[in-house]
C-alpha atoms as a PDB file:
ATOM      1  CA  MET A   1       8.918  15.591   8.057  1.00  0.00           C
ATOM      2  CA  THR A   2       5.863  14.385   7.233  1.00  0.00           C
ATOM      3  CA  PHE A   3       2.906  16.475   7.971  1.00  0.00           C
ATOM      4  CA  TYR A   4      -0.816  15.173   8.127  1.00  0.00           C
ATOM      5  CA  GLU A   5      -3.715  17.798   7.445  1.00  0.00           C
ATOM      6  CA  LEU A   6      -7.267  16.185   8.601  1.00  0.00           C
ATOM      7  CA  LEU A   7     -10.492  17.043   7.336  1.00  0.00           C
ATOM      8  CA  TRP A   8     -13.800  16.305   8.423  1.00  0.00           C
ATOM      9  CA  GLU A   9     -16.996  17.676   6.714  1.00  0.00           C
ATOM     10  CA  GLY A  10     -14.527  19.281   3.876  1.00  0.00           C
ATOM     11  CA  GLU A  11     -13.209  21.287   6.587  1.00  0.00           C
ATOM     12  CA  GLY A  12      -9.825  21.412   7.879  1.00  0.00           C
ATOM     13  CA  CYS A  13      -9.790  20.452  11.655  1.00  0.00           C
ATOM     14  CA  GLY A  14      -6.173  19.746  12.430  1.00  0.00           C
ATOM     15  CA  ASP A  15      -2.833  17.571  11.991  1.00  0.00           C
ATOM     16  CA  ALA A  16      -0.923  15.319  13.066  1.00  0.00           C
ATOM     17  CA  ALA A  17       2.819  14.043  12.500  1.00  0.00           C
ATOM     18  CA  ASP A  18       1.917  10.230  11.473  1.00  0.00           C
ATOM     19  CA  LEU A  19      -1.118   8.353  10.395  1.00  0.00           C
ATOM     20  CA  ALA A  20      -1.607   6.705  13.627  1.00  0.00           C
ATOM     21  CA  GLU A  21      -2.055  10.128  15.622  1.00  0.00           C
ATOM     22  CA  ALA A  22      -4.431  11.228  12.629  1.00  0.00           C
ATOM     23  CA  LEU A  23      -6.494   8.179  12.901  1.00  0.00           C
ATOM     24  CA  ALA A  24      -7.076   8.634  16.595  1.00  0.00           C
ATOM     25  CA  PHE A  25      -7.575  12.392  15.841  1.00  0.00           C
ATOM     26  CA  PHE A  26     -10.775  11.392  14.278  1.00  0.00           C
ATOM     27  CA  GLN A  27     -12.151   9.380  16.891  1.00  0.00           C
ATOM     28  CA  GLU A  28     -12.286  12.394  19.082  1.00  0.00           C
ATOM     29  CA  LEU A  29     -14.567  13.931  16.545  1.00  0.00           C
ATOM     30  CA  LYS A  30     -17.051  10.927  15.862  1.00  0.00           C
ATOM     31  CA  PRO A  31     -19.982  11.512  17.351  1.00  0.00           C
ATOM     32  CA  LYS A  32     -20.735   9.760  20.557  1.00  0.00           C
ATOM     33  CA  ASP A  33     -24.249   8.413  19.429  1.00  0.00           C
ATOM     34  CA  LEU A  34     -22.910   6.869  15.757  1.00  0.00           C
ATOM     35  CA  SER A  35     -20.937   3.814  14.972  1.00  0.00           C
ATOM     36  CA  TRP A  36     -17.888   4.298  12.431  1.00  0.00           C
ATOM     37  CA  GLN A  37     -19.866   2.199  10.093  1.00  0.00           C
ATOM     38  CA  GLN A  38     -22.663   4.804  10.158  1.00  0.00           C
ATOM     39  CA  VAL A  39     -20.004   7.576   9.968  1.00  0.00           C
ATOM     40  CA  CYS A  40     -18.513   5.995   7.309  1.00  0.00           C
ATOM     41  CA  ALA A  41     -21.721   5.585   5.361  1.00  0.00           C
ATOM     42  CA  ASP A  42     -22.937   9.664   5.849  1.00  0.00           C
ATOM     43  CA  PRO A  43     -21.116  11.607   2.921  1.00  0.00           C
ATOM     44  CA  ARG A  44     -21.066  14.471   5.083  1.00  0.00           C
ATOM     45  CA  TYR A  45     -18.421  13.575   7.549  1.00  0.00           C
ATOM     46  CA  ALA A  46     -16.230  12.021   4.939  1.00  0.00           C
ATOM     47  CA  PRO A  47     -12.998  11.952   7.331  1.00  0.00           C
ATOM     48  CA  THR A  48      -9.890  12.719   5.319  1.00  0.00           C
ATOM     49  CA  ILE A  49      -6.533  12.779   5.588  1.00  0.00           C
ATOM     50  CA  ARG A  50      -3.991  14.991   3.293  1.00  0.00           C
ATOM     51  CA  ARG A  51      -0.161  14.129   3.966  1.00  0.00           C
ATOM     52  CA  TYR A  52       2.362  16.765   2.672  1.00  0.00           C
ATOM     53  CA  ARG A  53       6.095  16.165   2.449  1.00  0.00           C
ATOM     54  CA  SER A  54       6.854  18.845   5.416  1.00  0.00           C
ATOM     55  CA  PHE A  55       5.016  21.437   7.006  1.00  0.00           C
ATOM     56  CA  GLU A  56       6.727  23.920   5.454  1.00  0.00           C
ATOM     57  CA  ALA A  57       5.110  22.413   2.148  1.00  0.00           C
ATOM     58  CA  PHE A  58       2.082  22.416   3.671  1.00  0.00           C
ATOM     59  CA  LEU A  59       2.872  26.512   4.866  1.00  0.00           C
ATOM     60  CA  ASP A  60       3.931  27.188   1.031  1.00  0.00           C
ATOM     61  CA  ASN A  61       0.650  25.317  -0.483  1.00  0.00           C
ATOM     62  CA  GLU A  62       1.991  22.665  -2.503  1.00  0.00           C
ATOM     63  CA  ASP A  63       0.044  20.013  -3.371  1.00  0.00           C
ATOM     64  CA  GLU A  64      -0.323  16.922  -1.058  1.00  0.00           C
ATOM     65  CA  VAL A  65       1.702  13.857  -1.510  1.00  0.00           C
ATOM     66  CA  GLU A  66      -1.440  11.715  -1.332  1.00  0.00           C
ATOM     67  CA  THR A  67      -5.330  11.870   0.049  1.00  0.00           C
ATOM     68  CA  ILE A  68      -5.972   9.292   2.177  1.00  0.00           C
ATOM     69  CA  LEU A  69      -9.553   7.984   2.796  1.00  0.00           C
ATOM     70  CA  PRO A  70      -9.296   6.294   6.061  1.00  0.00           C
ATOM     71  CA  SER A  71     -11.425   2.975   5.871  1.00  0.00           C
ATOM     72  CA  LEU A  72     -14.023   1.583   7.945  1.00  0.00           C
ATOM     73  CA  GLU A  73     -11.691  -0.710   9.245  1.00  0.00           C
ATOM     74  CA  MET A  74      -8.478   1.626   9.937  1.00  0.00           C
ATOM     75  CA  LEU A  75     -10.630   3.644  11.824  1.00  0.00           C
ATOM     76  CA  GLU A  76     -12.461   1.301  14.192  1.00  0.00           C
ATOM     77  CA  ALA A  77      -8.862  -0.343  14.624  1.00  0.00           C
ATOM     78  CA  ALA A  78      -7.600   3.195  16.024  1.00  0.00           C
ATOM     79  CA  ALA A  79     -10.824   3.656  18.220  1.00  0.00           C
ATOM     80  CA  PRO A  80      -9.935   2.694  21.872  1.00  0.00           C
ATOM     81  CA  GLU A  81     -11.269   0.183  23.645  1.00  0.00           C
ATOM     82  CA  SER A  82     -14.334   0.741  26.064  1.00  0.00           C
ATOM     83  CA  THR A  83     -12.223   0.508  29.691  1.00  0.00           C
ATOM     84  CA  THR A  84     -15.989  -0.021  31.321  1.00  0.00           C
ATOM     85  CA  ASP A  85     -16.944  -2.886  28.953  1.00  0.00           C
ATOM     86  CA  THR A  86     -13.163  -4.055  29.753  1.00  0.00           C
ATOM     87  CA  VAL A  87     -13.600  -3.896  33.837  1.00  0.00           C
ATOM     88  CA  LEU A  88     -17.317  -5.598  33.681  1.00  0.00           C
ATOM     89  CA  ALA A  89     -16.145  -8.374  32.078  1.00  0.00           C
ATOM     90  CA  ASP A  90     -12.750  -8.558  34.270  1.00  0.00           C
ATOM     91  CA  SER A  91     -14.730  -8.432  37.079  1.00  0.00           C
ATOM     92  CA  ALA A  92     -17.044 -11.280  36.316  1.00  0.00           C
ATOM     93  CA  THR A  93     -17.035 -14.547  38.511  1.00  0.00           C
ATOM     94  CA  PRO A  94     -17.277 -17.767  37.135  1.00  0.00           C
ATOM     95  CA  GLU A  95     -19.900 -18.840  39.730  1.00  0.00           C
ATOM     96  CA  THR A  96     -22.691 -16.129  38.536  1.00  0.00           C
ATOM     97  CA  ASP A  97     -21.134 -14.047  35.485  1.00  0.00           C
ATOM     98  CA  ASP A  98     -22.568 -11.525  37.245  1.00  0.00           C
ATOM     99  CA  PRO A  99     -19.925  -8.033  37.525  1.00  0.00           C
ATOM    100  CA  VAL A 100     -18.563  -8.107  41.109  1.00  0.00           C
ATOM    101  CA  ALA A 101     -18.909  -4.477  42.796  1.00  0.00           C
END
C-alpha cells in the first residue's frame, strides 16, 4: 500500500495513506492568519509530499516513487469551507439580507 510522507518547512511533519489525507493534513499546519496564496509564495513553508511504494519501503530508506509539490489550487480545493460563513449566508432573509439570530 502506498505511503505518503509530509514535509513542512523542510522537515518531516506527518504521514498519510492517500493524497486527499495528505492535503487535509496541510490544512492544520497552515498559519490561520495567512492565505494559501501567501503560504505558497513563501519558500520557507514549501509543503511537500513524498510518495513511497509502501510503508516498509519508507522504513527501509528506499527512494520515494515521486515528490509532489502541492499547487495552490490543490491546497485550496482541500480546504474546508468556513462553517461560519455558510451559516450566516444560509440564515439571511430576502427582506433584510441580514443574518437572523
